[in-house]
Amino acid sequence: MSDHNITYLTDVSLLTVIVQVGLADDILKAARDAGASVGAIGHHARGIGVRERLGILGVAVETEKDVISILVSNEQRDLIFDTIYRAAGLDTPGRGFVYVTPLEKAATYVPESIMQRIKDKA
């Protein structure tokens, strides 16, 4: 199965989305429909911010968020970013935010059929 060769991906970015709980499934579906296929991970997070300090008597209230991380090629990055922005409704205050982290390199198993298509393009 493995000949211990490492296939490095050097043209990838990590999209991270932090949104209200319950939006992750819609965001992941929209990203997949737009072509994202690698490294979609969703998890919950808790934290406090300026808005949460406005609870009863100014006491901080913990909030839960969904955090989605999606590894995409740089070629797909802008399309997936825009799709996520719209799917999450991030043009509405308080819905969350999305950001891009360029990655120097990443590694994962890449099927031989895909490697051959890449070689054929070059």
PDB file of N, CA and C in Angstrom:
ATOM      1  N   MET A   1       0.815  -1.192   0.000  1.00  0.00           N
ATOM      2  CA  MET A   1       0.000   0.000   0.000  1.00  0.00           C
ATOM      3  C   MET A   1       0.858   1.254   0.000  1.00  0.00           C
ATOM      4  N   SER A   2       1.953   1.259   0.717  1.00  0.00           N
ATOM      5  CA  SER A   2       2.772   2.457   0.796  1.00  0.00           C
ATOM      6  C   SER A   2       4.231   2.104   0.551  1.00  0.00           C
ATOM      7  N   ASP A   3       4.862   2.905  -0.293  1.00  0.00           N
ATOM      8  CA  ASP A   3       6.288   2.682  -0.508  1.00  0.00           C
ATOM      9  C   ASP A   3       7.100   3.706   0.278  1.00  0.00           C
ATOM     10  N   HIS A   4       6.457   4.356   1.211  1.00  0.00           N
ATOM     11  CA  HIS A   4       7.062   5.341   2.116  1.00  0.00           C
ATOM     12  C   HIS A   4       7.531   6.599   1.410  1.00  0.00           C
ATOM     13  N   ASN A   5       7.058   6.831   0.192  1.00  0.00           N
ATOM     14  CA  ASN A   5       7.291   8.120  -0.455  1.00  0.00           C
ATOM     15  C   ASN A   5       6.249   9.095   0.068  1.00  0.00           C
ATOM     16  N   ILE A   6       6.656  10.308   0.280  1.00  0.00           N
ATOM     17  CA  ILE A   6       5.732  11.324   0.770  1.00  0.00           C
ATOM     18  C   ILE A   6       5.393  12.253  -0.383  1.00  0.00           C
ATOM     19  N   THR A   7       4.100  12.445  -0.599  1.00  0.00           N
ATOM     20  CA  THR A   7       3.643  13.403  -1.599  1.00  0.00           C
ATOM     21  C   THR A   7       3.335  14.705  -0.867  1.00  0.00           C
ATOM     22  N   TYR A   8       4.110  15.731  -1.144  1.00  0.00           N
ATOM     23  CA  TYR A   8       3.913  17.023  -0.505  1.00  0.00           C
ATOM     24  C   TYR A   8       2.979  17.874  -1.342  1.00  0.00           C
ATOM     25  N   LEU A   9       2.049  18.520  -0.682  1.00  0.00           N
ATOM     26  CA  LEU A   9       1.159  19.473  -1.326  1.00  0.00           C
ATOM     27  C   LEU A   9       1.677  20.862  -0.965  1.00  0.00           C
ATOM     28  N   THR A  10       2.007  21.647  -1.961  1.00  0.00           N
ATOM     29  CA  THR A  10       2.586  22.961  -1.695  1.00  0.00           C
ATOM     30  C   THR A  10       1.712  24.109  -2.194  1.00  0.00           C
ATOM     31  N   ASP A  11       0.612  23.790  -2.814  1.00  0.00           N
ATOM     32  CA  ASP A  11      -0.277  24.847  -3.315  1.00  0.00           C
ATOM     33  C   ASP A  11      -1.633  24.763  -2.618  1.00  0.00           C
ATOM     34  N   VAL A  12      -1.609  24.705  -1.290  1.00  0.00           N
ATOM     35  CA  VAL A  12      -2.835  24.553  -0.519  1.00  0.00           C
ATOM     36  C   VAL A  12      -2.987  25.650   0.531  1.00  0.00           C
ATOM     37  N   SER A  13      -4.230  25.878   0.901  1.00  0.00           N
ATOM     38  CA  SER A  13      -4.564  26.846   1.945  1.00  0.00           C
ATOM     39  C   SER A  13      -5.573  26.213   2.883  1.00  0.00           C
ATOM     40  N   LEU A  14      -5.600  26.703   4.105  1.00  0.00           N
ATOM     41  CA  LEU A  14      -6.558  26.239   5.099  1.00  0.00           C
ATOM     42  C   LEU A  14      -7.596  27.329   5.298  1.00  0.00           C
ATOM     43  N   LEU A  15      -8.854  27.000   5.030  1.00  0.00           N
ATOM     44  CA  LEU A  15      -9.953  27.917   5.306  1.00  0.00           C
ATOM     45  C   LEU A  15     -10.516  27.552   6.666  1.00  0.00           C
ATOM     46  N   THR A  16     -10.658  28.518   7.533  1.00  0.00           N
ATOM     47  CA  THR A  16     -11.214  28.295   8.865  1.00  0.00           C
ATOM     48  C   THR A  16     -12.435  29.187   9.020  1.00  0.00           C
ATOM     49  N   VAL A  17     -13.531  28.569   9.457  1.00  0.00           N
ATOM     50  CA  VAL A  17     -14.791  29.289   9.630  1.00  0.00           C
ATOM     51  C   VAL A  17     -15.231  29.116  11.078  1.00  0.00           C
ATOM     52  N   ILE A  18     -15.580  30.205  11.732  1.00  0.00           N
ATOM     53  CA  ILE A  18     -16.089  30.165  13.097  1.00  0.00           C
ATOM     54  C   ILE A  18     -17.480  30.790  13.061  1.00  0.00           C
ATOM     55  N   VAL A  19     -18.488  29.971  13.389  1.00  0.00           N
ATOM     56  CA  VAL A  19     -19.874  30.406  13.258  1.00  0.00           C
ATOM     57  C   VAL A  19     -20.712  29.923  14.437  1.00  0.00           C
ATOM     58  N   GLN A  20     -21.942  30.415  14.484  1.00  0.00           N
ATOM     59  CA  GLN A  20     -22.884  29.984  15.508  1.00  0.00           C
ATOM     60  C   GLN A  20     -23.131  28.486  15.383  1.00  0.00           C
ATOM     61  N   VAL A  21     -23.363  27.843  16.508  1.00  0.00           N
ATOM     62  CA  VAL A  21     -23.646  26.405  16.529  1.00  0.00           C
ATOM     63  C   VAL A  21     -24.860  26.122  15.644  1.00  0.00           C
ATOM     64  N   GLY A  22     -24.751  25.053  14.874  1.00  0.00           N
ATOM     65  CA  GLY A  22     -25.856  24.642  14.024  1.00  0.00           C
ATOM     66  C   GLY A  22     -25.675  24.975  12.558  1.00  0.00           C
ATOM     67  N   LEU A  23     -24.678  25.782  12.231  1.00  0.00           N
ATOM     68  CA  LEU A  23     -24.465  26.171  10.841  1.00  0.00           C
ATOM     69  C   LEU A  23     -23.447  25.296  10.114  1.00  0.00           C
ATOM     70  N   ALA A  24     -22.707  24.466  10.852  1.00  0.00           N
ATOM     71  CA  ALA A  24     -21.597  23.712  10.255  1.00  0.00           C
ATOM     72  C   ALA A  24     -22.036  22.799   9.119  1.00  0.00           C
ATOM     73  N   ASP A  25     -23.130  22.072   9.291  1.00  0.00           N
ATOM     74  CA  ASP A  25     -23.560  21.128   8.250  1.00  0.00           C
ATOM     75  C   ASP A  25     -23.854  21.839   6.934  1.00  0.00           C
ATOM     76  N   ASP A  26     -24.545  22.981   7.001  1.00  0.00           N
ATOM     77  CA  ASP A  26     -24.856  23.736   5.786  1.00  0.00           C
ATOM     78  C   ASP A  26     -23.588  24.260   5.116  1.00  0.00           C
ATOM     79  N   ILE A  27     -22.633  24.704   5.923  1.00  0.00           N
ATOM     80  CA  ILE A  27     -21.381  25.229   5.386  1.00  0.00           C
ATOM     81  C   ILE A  27     -20.573  24.113   4.728  1.00  0.00           C
ATOM     82  N   LEU A  28     -20.468  22.970   5.398  1.00  0.00           N
ATOM     83  CA  LEU A  28     -19.730  21.845   4.829  1.00  0.00           C
ATOM     84  C   LEU A  28     -20.369  21.357   3.531  1.00  0.00           C
ATOM     85  N   LYS A  29     -21.694  21.307   3.485  1.00  0.00           N
ATOM     86  CA  LYS A  29     -22.381  20.877   2.268  1.00  0.00           C
ATOM     87  C   LYS A  29     -22.116  21.871   1.133  1.00  0.00           C
ATOM     88  N   ALA A  30     -22.204  23.159   1.419  1.00  0.00           N
ATOM     89  CA  ALA A  30     -21.963  24.175   0.399  1.00  0.00           C
ATOM     90  C   ALA A  30     -20.526  24.088  -0.126  1.00  0.00           C
ATOM     91  N   ALA A  31     -19.563  23.884   0.778  1.00  0.00           N
ATOM     92  CA  ALA A  31     -18.158  23.776   0.376  1.00  0.00           C
ATOM     93  C   ALA A  31     -17.947  22.542  -0.503  1.00  0.00           C
ATOM     94  N   ARG A  32     -18.541  21.413  -0.107  1.00  0.00           N
ATOM     95  CA  ARG A  32     -18.427  20.186  -0.922  1.00  0.00           C
ATOM     96  C   ARG A  32     -19.055  20.395  -2.294  1.00  0.00           C
ATOM     97  N   ASP A  33     -20.240  21.017  -2.330  1.00  0.00           N
ATOM     98  CA  ASP A  33     -20.923  21.263  -3.601  1.00  0.00           C
ATOM     99  C   ASP A  33     -20.115  22.173  -4.514  1.00  0.00           C
ATOM    100  N   ALA A  34     -19.294  23.047  -3.909  1.00  0.00           N
ATOM    101  CA  ALA A  34     -18.455  23.963  -4.694  1.00  0.00           C
ATOM    102  C   ALA A  34     -17.134  23.321  -5.115  1.00  0.00           C
ATOM    103  N   GLY A  35     -16.874  22.088  -4.651  1.00  0.00           N
ATOM    104  CA  GLY A  35     -15.673  21.384  -5.095  1.00  0.00           C
ATOM    105  C   GLY A  35     -14.652  21.059  -4.029  1.00  0.00           C
ATOM    106  N   ALA A  36     -14.857  21.497  -2.804  1.00  0.00           N
ATOM    107  CA  ALA A  36     -13.912  21.164  -1.733  1.00  0.00           C
ATOM    108  C   ALA A  36     -14.025  19.675  -1.440  1.00  0.00           C
ATOM    109  N   SER A  37     -12.882  19.013  -1.314  1.00  0.00           N
ATOM    110  CA  SER A  37     -12.962  17.575  -1.095  1.00  0.00           C
ATOM    111  C   SER A  37     -11.992  17.057  -0.047  1.00  0.00           C
ATOM    112  N   VAL A  38     -11.058  17.861   0.395  1.00  0.00           N
ATOM    113  CA  VAL A  38     -10.014  17.361   1.290  1.00  0.00           C
ATOM    114  C   VAL A  38     -10.065  18.079   2.635  1.00  0.00           C
ATOM    115  N   GLY A  39      -9.980  17.313   3.701  1.00  0.00           N
ATOM    116  CA  GLY A  39      -9.728  17.879   5.021  1.00  0.00           C
ATOM    117  C   GLY A  39     -10.815  18.732   5.608  1.00  0.00           C
ATOM    118  N   ALA A  40     -12.076  18.396   5.414  1.00  0.00           N
ATOM    119  CA  ALA A  40     -13.142  19.151   6.049  1.00  0.00           C
ATOM    120  C   ALA A  40     -13.360  18.602   7.452  1.00  0.00           C
ATOM    121  N   ILE A  41     -13.134  19.445   8.449  1.00  0.00           N
ATOM    122  CA  ILE A  41     -13.236  19.032   9.844  1.00  0.00           C
ATOM    123  C   ILE A  41     -14.109  20.048  10.575  1.00  0.00           C
ATOM    124  N   GLY A  42     -15.055  19.544  11.323  1.00  0.00           N
ATOM    125  CA  GLY A  42     -15.886  20.433  12.125  1.00  0.00           C
ATOM    126  C   GLY A  42     -15.765  20.057  13.595  1.00  0.00           C
ATOM    127  N   HIS A  43     -15.717  21.053  14.467  1.00  0.00           N
ATOM    128  CA  HIS A  43     -15.699  20.790  15.898  1.00  0.00           C
ATOM    129  C   HIS A  43     -16.307  21.970  16.641  1.00  0.00           C
ATOM    130  N   HIS A  44     -16.598  21.762  17.907  1.00  0.00           N
ATOM    131  CA  HIS A  44     -17.183  22.820  18.735  1.00  0.00           C
ATOM    132  C   HIS A  44     -16.088  23.528  19.524  1.00  0.00           C
ATOM    133  N   ALA A  45     -16.346  24.796  19.814  1.00  0.00           N
ATOM    134  CA  ALA A  45     -15.418  25.579  20.630  1.00  0.00           C
ATOM    135  C   ALA A  45     -16.239  26.484  21.541  1.00  0.00           C
ATOM    136  N   ARG A  46     -15.612  26.886  22.631  1.00  0.00           N
ATOM    137  CA  ARG A  46     -16.262  27.819  23.550  1.00  0.00           C
ATOM    138  C   ARG A  46     -15.324  28.981  23.801  1.00  0.00           C
ATOM    139  N   GLY A  47     -15.904  30.123  24.092  1.00  0.00           N
ATOM    140  CA  GLY A  47     -15.085  31.277  24.402  1.00  0.00           C
ATOM    141  C   GLY A  47     -15.954  32.434  24.817  1.00  0.00           C
ATOM    142  N   ILE A  48     -15.310  33.544  25.115  1.00  0.00           N
ATOM    143  CA  ILE A  48     -16.058  34.746  25.459  1.00  0.00           C
ATOM    144  C   ILE A  48     -15.515  35.900  24.642  1.00  0.00           C
ATOM    145  N   GLY A  49     -16.329  36.878  24.440  1.00  0.00           N
ATOM    146  CA  GLY A  49     -15.943  38.060  23.691  1.00  0.00           C
ATOM    147  C   GLY A  49     -16.686  39.261  24.232  1.00  0.00           C
ATOM    148  N   VAL A  50     -16.544  40.385  23.559  1.00  0.00           N
ATOM    149  CA  VAL A  50     -17.151  41.639  24.023  1.00  0.00           C
ATOM    150  C   VAL A  50     -18.662  41.506  24.132  1.00  0.00           C
ATOM    151  N   ARG A  51     -19.316  40.901  23.141  1.00  0.00           N
ATOM    152  CA  ARG A  51     -20.768  40.793  23.149  1.00  0.00           C
ATOM    153  C   ARG A  51     -21.273  39.955  24.318  1.00  0.00           C
ATOM    154  N   GLU A  52     -20.506  38.932  24.710  1.00  0.00           N
ATOM    155  CA  GLU A  52     -20.951  38.042  25.756  1.00  0.00           C
ATOM    156  C   GLU A  52     -20.891  38.696  27.142  1.00  0.00           C
ATOM    157  N   ARG A  53     -20.144  39.763  27.285  1.00  0.00           N
ATOM    158  CA  ARG A  53     -20.052  40.460  28.573  1.00  0.00           C
ATOM    159  C   ARG A  53     -21.312  41.265  28.865  1.00  0.00           C
ATOM    160  N   LEU A  54     -22.205  41.294  27.910  1.00  0.00           N
ATOM    161  CA  LEU A  54     -23.414  42.087  28.072  1.00  0.00           C
ATOM    162  C   LEU A  54     -24.557  41.294  28.692  1.00  0.00           C
ATOM    163  N   GLY A  55     -24.261  40.154  29.294  1.00  0.00           N
ATOM    164  CA  GLY A  55     -25.283  39.339  29.951  1.00  0.00           C
ATOM    165  C   GLY A  55     -25.825  40.044  31.183  1.00  0.00           C
ATOM    166  N   ILE A  56     -26.585  39.323  31.990  1.00  0.00           N
ATOM    167  CA  ILE A  56     -27.195  39.895  33.184  1.00  0.00           C
ATOM    168  C   ILE A  56     -26.106  40.460  34.097  1.00  0.00           C
ATOM    169  N   LEU A  57     -26.246  41.684  34.487  1.00  0.00           N
ATOM    170  CA  LEU A  57     -25.315  42.386  35.374  1.00  0.00           C
ATOM    171  C   LEU A  57     -23.887  42.436  34.831  1.00  0.00           C
ATOM    172  N   GLY A  58     -23.729  42.354  33.522  1.00  0.00           N
ATOM    173  CA  GLY A  58     -22.412  42.447  32.917  1.00  0.00           C
ATOM    174  C   GLY A  58     -21.532  41.238  33.139  1.00  0.00           C
ATOM    175  N   VAL A  59     -22.106  40.123  33.596  1.00  0.00           N
ATOM    176  CA  VAL A  59     -21.335  38.900  33.817  1.00  0.00           C
ATOM    177  C   VAL A  59     -21.101  38.216  32.475  1.00  0.00           C
ATOM    178  N   ALA A  60     -19.884  37.751  32.262  1.00  0.00           N
ATOM    179  CA  ALA A  60     -19.553  37.095  31.003  1.00  0.00           C
ATOM    180  C   ALA A  60     -20.342  35.801  30.854  1.00  0.00           C
ATOM    181  N   VAL A  61     -20.859  35.586  29.661  1.00  0.00           N
ATOM    182  CA  VAL A  61     -21.610  34.382  29.346  1.00  0.00           C
ATOM    183  C   VAL A  61     -20.812  33.597  28.320  1.00  0.00           C
ATOM    184  N   GLU A  62     -20.563  32.303  28.604  1.00  0.00           N
ATOM    185  CA  GLU A  62     -19.827  31.492  27.648  1.00  0.00           C
ATOM    186  C   GLU A  62     -20.693  31.236  26.419  1.00  0.00           C
ATOM    187  N   THR A  63     -20.053  31.194  25.278  1.00  0.00           N
ATOM    188  CA  THR A  63     -20.765  30.897  24.048  1.00  0.00           C
ATOM    189  C   THR A  63     -20.109  29.710  23.366  1.00  0.00           C
ATOM    190  N   GLU A  64     -20.900  28.969  22.645  1.00  0.00           N
ATOM    191  CA  GLU A  64     -20.371  27.857  21.872  1.00  0.00           C
ATOM    192  C   GLU A  64     -20.411  28.228  20.404  1.00  0.00           C
ATOM    193  N   LYS A  65     -19.413  27.785  19.687  1.00  0.00           N
ATOM    194  CA  LYS A  65     -19.302  28.043  18.261  1.00  0.00           C
ATOM    195  C   LYS A  65     -18.950  26.749  17.539  1.00  0.00           C
ATOM    196  N   ASP A  66     -19.272  26.694  16.264  1.00  0.00           N
ATOM    197  CA  ASP A  66     -18.792  25.621  15.407  1.00  0.00           C
ATOM    198  C   ASP A  66     -17.567  26.149  14.677  1.00  0.00           C
ATOM    199  N   VAL A  67     -16.522  25.328  14.611  1.00  0.00           N
ATOM    200  CA  VAL A  67     -15.300  25.688  13.894  1.00  0.00           C
ATOM    201  C   VAL A  67     -15.113  24.658  12.791  1.00  0.00           C
ATOM    202  N   ILE A  68     -14.993  25.139  11.565  1.00  0.00           N
ATOM    203  CA  ILE A  68     -14.823  24.259  10.416  1.00  0.00           C
ATOM    204  C   ILE A  68     -13.491  24.586   9.764  1.00  0.00           C
ATOM    205  N   SER A  69     -12.684  23.558   9.519  1.00  0.00           N
ATOM    206  CA  SER A  69     -11.394  23.715   8.845  1.00  0.00           C
ATOM    207  C   SER A  69     -11.442  22.920   7.547  1.00  0.00           C
ATOM    208  N   ILE A  70     -11.117  23.584   6.450  1.00  0.00           N
ATOM    209  CA  ILE A  70     -11.176  22.931   5.143  1.00  0.00           C
ATOM    210  C   ILE A  70      -9.873  23.201   4.398  1.00  0.00           C
ATOM    211  N   LEU A  71      -9.211  22.136   3.986  1.00  0.00           N
ATOM    212  CA  LEU A  71      -7.986  22.228   3.201  1.00  0.00           C
ATOM    213  C   LEU A  71      -8.373  22.278   1.731  1.00  0.00           C
ATOM    214  N   VAL A  72      -7.959  23.325   1.030  1.00  0.00           N
ATOM    215  CA  VAL A  72      -8.300  23.484  -0.386  1.00  0.00           C
ATOM    216  C   VAL A  72      -7.058  23.859  -1.187  1.00  0.00           C
ATOM    217  N   SER A  73      -7.106  23.545  -2.472  1.00  0.00           N
ATOM    218  CA  SER A  73      -6.019  23.977  -3.344  1.00  0.00           C
ATOM    219  C   SER A  73      -6.114  25.491  -3.502  1.00  0.00           C
ATOM    220  N   ASN A  74      -4.987  26.122  -3.771  1.00  0.00           N
ATOM    221  CA  ASN A  74      -4.996  27.571  -3.973  1.00  0.00           C
ATOM    222  C   ASN A  74      -5.862  27.950  -5.169  1.00  0.00           C
ATOM    223  N   GLU A  75      -5.981  27.033  -6.117  1.00  0.00           N
ATOM    224  CA  GLU A  75      -6.822  27.260  -7.291  1.00  0.00           C
ATOM    225  C   GLU A  75      -8.296  27.372  -6.899  1.00  0.00           C
ATOM    226  N   GLN A  76      -8.724  26.601  -5.896  1.00  0.00           N
ATOM    227  CA  GLN A  76     -10.111  26.602  -5.425  1.00  0.00           C
ATOM    228  C   GLN A  76     -10.377  27.620  -4.324  1.00  0.00           C
ATOM    229  N   ARG A  77      -9.342  28.132  -3.732  1.00  0.00           N
ATOM    230  CA  ARG A  77      -9.443  28.930  -2.501  1.00  0.00           C
ATOM    231  C   ARG A  77     -10.497  30.037  -2.565  1.00  0.00           C
ATOM    232  N   ASP A  78     -10.449  30.904  -3.556  1.00  0.00           N
ATOM    233  CA  ASP A  78     -11.363  32.045  -3.599  1.00  0.00           C
ATOM    234  C   ASP A  78     -12.815  31.615  -3.818  1.00  0.00           C
ATOM    235  N   LEU A  79     -13.023  30.619  -4.685  1.00  0.00           N
ATOM    236  CA  LEU A  79     -14.381  30.121  -4.922  1.00  0.00           C
ATOM    237  C   LEU A  79     -14.973  29.529  -3.647  1.00  0.00           C
ATOM    238  N   ILE A  80     -14.219  28.682  -2.957  1.00  0.00           N
ATOM    239  CA  ILE A  80     -14.713  28.052  -1.734  1.00  0.00           C
ATOM    240  C   ILE A  80     -14.911  29.103  -0.641  1.00  0.00           C
ATOM    241  N   PHE A  81     -13.984  30.053  -0.538  1.00  0.00           N
ATOM    242  CA  PHE A  81     -14.105  31.138   0.450  1.00  0.00           C
ATOM    243  C   PHE A  81     -15.412  31.897   0.241  1.00  0.00           C
ATOM    244  N   ASP A  82     -15.687  32.325  -1.008  1.00  0.00           N
ATOM    245  CA  ASP A  82     -16.904  33.076  -1.310  1.00  0.00           C
ATOM    246  C   ASP A  82     -18.155  32.240  -1.042  1.00  0.00           C
ATOM    247  N   THR A  83     -18.093  30.954  -1.389  1.00  0.00           N
ATOM    248  CA  THR A  83     -19.222  30.054  -1.161  1.00  0.00           C
ATOM    249  C   THR A  83     -19.515  29.929   0.326  1.00  0.00           C
ATOM    250  N   ILE A  84     -18.475  29.758   1.119  1.00  0.00           N
ATOM    251  CA  ILE A  84     -18.642  29.653   2.577  1.00  0.00           C
ATOM    252  C   ILE A  84     -19.218  30.945   3.145  1.00  0.00           C
ATOM    253  N   TYR A  85     -18.700  32.071   2.696  1.00  0.00           N
ATOM    254  CA  TYR A  85     -19.169  33.375   3.179  1.00  0.00           C
ATOM    255  C   TYR A  85     -20.679  33.510   2.976  1.00  0.00           C
ATOM    256  N   ARG A  86     -21.121  33.141   1.785  1.00  0.00           N
ATOM    257  CA  ARG A  86     -22.553  33.248   1.475  1.00  0.00           C
ATOM    258  C   ARG A  86     -23.370  32.206   2.240  1.00  0.00           C
ATOM    259  N   ALA A  87     -22.906  30.959   2.285  1.00  0.00           N
ATOM    260  CA  ALA A  87     -23.644  29.886   2.955  1.00  0.00           C
ATOM    261  C   ALA A  87     -23.807  30.157   4.447  1.00  0.00           C
ATOM    262  N   ALA A  88     -22.809  30.769   5.054  1.00  0.00           N
ATOM    263  CA  ALA A  88     -22.857  31.057   6.492  1.00  0.00           C
ATOM    264  C   ALA A  88     -23.582  32.358   6.798  1.00  0.00           C
ATOM    265  N   GLY A  89     -23.881  33.139   5.776  1.00  0.00           N
ATOM    266  CA  GLY A  89     -24.536  34.429   6.004  1.00  0.00           C
ATOM    267  C   GLY A  89     -23.656  35.390   6.765  1.00  0.00           C
ATOM    268  N   LEU A  90     -22.366  35.392   6.426  1.00  0.00           N
ATOM    269  CA  LEU A  90     -21.412  36.209   7.178  1.00  0.00           C
ATOM    270  C   LEU A  90     -21.529  37.704   6.907  1.00  0.00           C
ATOM    271  N   ASP A  91     -22.466  38.079   6.032  1.00  0.00           N
ATOM    272  CA  ASP A  91     -22.736  39.497   5.821  1.00  0.00           C
ATOM    273  C   ASP A  91     -23.727  40.026   6.864  1.00  0.00           C
ATOM    274  N   THR A  92     -24.084  39.172   7.825  1.00  0.00           N
ATOM    275  CA  THR A  92     -24.972  39.543   8.921  1.00  0.00           C
ATOM    276  C   THR A  92     -24.144  39.661  10.202  1.00  0.00           C
ATOM    277  N   PRO A  93     -24.260  40.777  10.921  1.00  0.00           N
ATOM    278  CA  PRO A  93     -23.480  40.946  12.151  1.00  0.00           C
ATOM    279  C   PRO A  93     -23.707  39.802  13.144  1.00  0.00           C
ATOM    280  N   GLY A  94     -22.624  39.337  13.754  1.00  0.00           N
ATOM    281  CA  GLY A  94     -22.698  38.326  14.782  1.00  0.00           C
ATOM    282  C   GLY A  94     -22.767  36.890  14.297  1.00  0.00           C
ATOM    283  N   ARG A  95     -22.757  36.673  12.974  1.00  0.00           N
ATOM    284  CA  ARG A  95     -22.869  35.315  12.455  1.00  0.00           C
ATOM    285  C   ARG A  95     -21.541  34.556  12.518  1.00  0.00           C
ATOM    286  N   GLY A  96     -20.414  35.264  12.469  1.00  0.00           N
ATOM    287  CA  GLY A  96     -19.126  34.594  12.530  1.00  0.00           C
ATOM    288  C   GLY A  96     -18.143  35.205  11.562  1.00  0.00           C
ATOM    289  N   PHE A  97     -17.061  34.453  11.281  1.00  0.00           N
ATOM    290  CA  PHE A  97     -16.084  34.935  10.322  1.00  0.00           C
ATOM    291  C   PHE A  97     -15.326  33.771   9.711  1.00  0.00           C
ATOM    292  N   VAL A  98     -14.678  34.057   8.591  1.00  0.00           N
ATOM    293  CA  VAL A  98     -13.896  33.064   7.863  1.00  0.00           C
ATOM    294  C   VAL A  98     -12.538  33.689   7.550  1.00  0.00           C
ATOM    295  N   TYR A  99     -11.488  32.873   7.603  1.00  0.00           N
ATOM    296  CA  TYR A  99     -10.168  33.383   7.234  1.00  0.00           C
ATOM    297  C   TYR A  99      -9.359  32.300   6.540  1.00  0.00           C
ATOM    298  N   VAL A 100      -8.328  32.744   5.816  1.00  0.00           N
ATOM    299  CA  VAL A 100      -7.466  31.864   5.028  1.00  0.00           C
ATOM    300  C   VAL A 100      -6.081  31.851   5.649  1.00  0.00           C
ATOM    301  N   THR A 101      -5.503  30.655   5.775  1.00  0.00           N
ATOM    302  CA  THR A 101      -4.125  30.500   6.211  1.00  0.00           C
ATOM    303  C   THR A 101      -3.363  29.786   5.100  1.00  0.00           C
ATOM    304  N   PRO A 102      -2.405  30.483   4.455  1.00  0.00           N
ATOM    305  CA  PRO A 102      -1.602  29.787   3.440  1.00  0.00           C
ATOM    306  C   PRO A 102      -0.700  28.751   4.122  1.00  0.00           C
ATOM    307  N   LEU A 103      -0.613  27.579   3.548  1.00  0.00           N
ATOM    308  CA  LEU A 103       0.225  26.531   4.110  1.00  0.00           C
ATOM    309  C   LEU A 103       1.479  26.363   3.269  1.00  0.00           C
ATOM    310  N   GLU A 104       2.611  26.252   3.937  1.00  0.00           N
ATOM    311  CA  GLU A 104       3.871  26.044   3.226  1.00  0.00           C
ATOM    312  C   GLU A 104       3.892  24.671   2.574  1.00  0.00           C
ATOM    313  N   LYS A 105       3.469  23.649   3.335  1.00  0.00           N
ATOM    314  CA  LYS A 105       3.330  22.321   2.754  1.00  0.00           C
ATOM    315  C   LYS A 105       2.454  21.464   3.643  1.00  0.00           C
ATOM    316  N   ALA A 106       1.858  20.478   3.014  1.00  0.00           N
ATOM    317  CA  ALA A 106       1.025  19.504   3.710  1.00  0.00           C
ATOM    318  C   ALA A 106       1.299  18.159   3.054  1.00  0.00           C
ATOM    319  N   ALA A 107       0.930  17.081   3.726  1.00  0.00           N
ATOM    320  CA  ALA A 107       1.146  15.759   3.150  1.00  0.00           C
ATOM    321  C   ALA A 107      -0.022  14.854   3.486  1.00  0.00           C
ATOM    322  N   THR A 108      -0.398  14.042   2.515  1.00  0.00           N
ATOM    323  CA  THR A 108      -1.438  13.047   2.689  1.00  0.00           C
ATOM    324  C   THR A 108      -1.294  12.021   1.581  1.00  0.00           C
ATOM    325  N   TYR A 109      -2.006  10.935   1.681  1.00  0.00           N
ATOM    326  CA  TYR A 109      -1.990   9.941   0.621  1.00  0.00           C
ATOM    327  C   TYR A 109      -2.734  10.502  -0.591  1.00  0.00           C
ATOM    328  N   VAL A 110      -2.114  10.417  -1.748  1.00  0.00           N
ATOM    329  CA  VAL A 110      -2.746  10.827  -2.993  1.00  0.00           C
ATOM    330  C   VAL A 110      -2.770   9.606  -3.907  1.00  0.00           C
ATOM    331  N   PRO A 111      -3.975   9.169  -4.335  1.00  0.00           N
ATOM    332  CA  PRO A 111      -4.063   7.987  -5.192  1.00  0.00           C
ATOM    333  C   PRO A 111      -3.238   8.143  -6.467  1.00  0.00           C
ATOM    334  N   GLU A 112      -2.694   7.048  -6.947  1.00  0.00           N
ATOM    335  CA  GLU A 112      -1.849   7.052  -8.141  1.00  0.00           C
ATOM    336  C   GLU A 112      -2.570   7.639  -9.348  1.00  0.00           C
ATOM    337  N   SER A 113      -3.877   7.404  -9.470  1.00  0.00           N
ATOM    338  CA  SER A 113      -4.633   7.933 -10.615  1.00  0.00           C
ATOM    339  C   SER A 113      -4.610   9.463 -10.630  1.00  0.00           C
ATOM    340  N   ILE A 114      -4.688  10.067  -9.460  1.00  0.00           N
ATOM    341  CA  ILE A 114      -4.640  11.531  -9.389  1.00  0.00           C
ATOM    342  C   ILE A 114      -3.231  12.026  -9.656  1.00  0.00           C
ATOM    343  N   MET A 115      -2.239  11.337  -9.129  1.00  0.00           N
ATOM    344  CA  MET A 115      -0.843  11.719  -9.393  1.00  0.00           C
ATOM    345  C   MET A 115      -0.558  11.667 -10.894  1.00  0.00           C
ATOM    346  N   GLN A 116      -1.086  10.664 -11.571  1.00  0.00           N
ATOM    347  CA  GLN A 116      -0.865  10.541 -13.019  1.00  0.00           C
ATOM    348  C   GLN A 116      -1.514  11.701 -13.767  1.00  0.00           C
ATOM    349  N   ARG A 117      -2.719  12.099 -13.359  1.00  0.00           N
ATOM    350  CA  ARG A 117      -3.390  13.246 -14.010  1.00  0.00           C
ATOM    351  C   ARG A 117      -2.560  14.516 -13.821  1.00  0.00           C
ATOM    352  N   ILE A 118      -1.988  14.689 -12.649  1.00  0.00           N
ATOM    353  CA  ILE A 118      -1.150  15.870 -12.387  1.00  0.00           C
ATOM    354  C   ILE A 118       0.084  15.843 -13.283  1.00  0.00           C
ATOM    355  N   LYS A 119       0.719  14.687 -13.383  1.00  0.00           N
ATOM    356  CA  LYS A 119       1.911  14.549 -14.238  1.00  0.00           C
ATOM    357  C   LYS A 119       1.567  14.796 -15.700  1.00  0.00           C
ATOM    358  N   ASP A 120       0.392  14.321 -16.141  1.00  0.00           N
ATOM    359  CA  ASP A 120      -0.028  14.509 -17.523  1.00  0.00           C
ATOM    360  C   ASP A 120      -0.277  15.972 -17.856  1.00  0.00           C
ATOM    361  N   LYS A 121      -0.753  16.747 -16.877  1.00  0.00           N
ATOM    362  CA  LYS A 121      -0.983  18.182 -17.084  1.00  0.00           C
ATOM    363  C   LYS A 121       0.316  18.949 -17.245  1.00  0.00           C
ATOM    364  N   ALA A 122       1.358  18.497 -16.554  1.00  0.00           N
ATOM    365  CA  ALA A 122       2.646  19.195 -16.560  1.00  0.00           C
ATOM    366  C   ALA A 122       3.390  18.963 -17.809  1.00  0.00           C
TER     367      ALA A 122
END
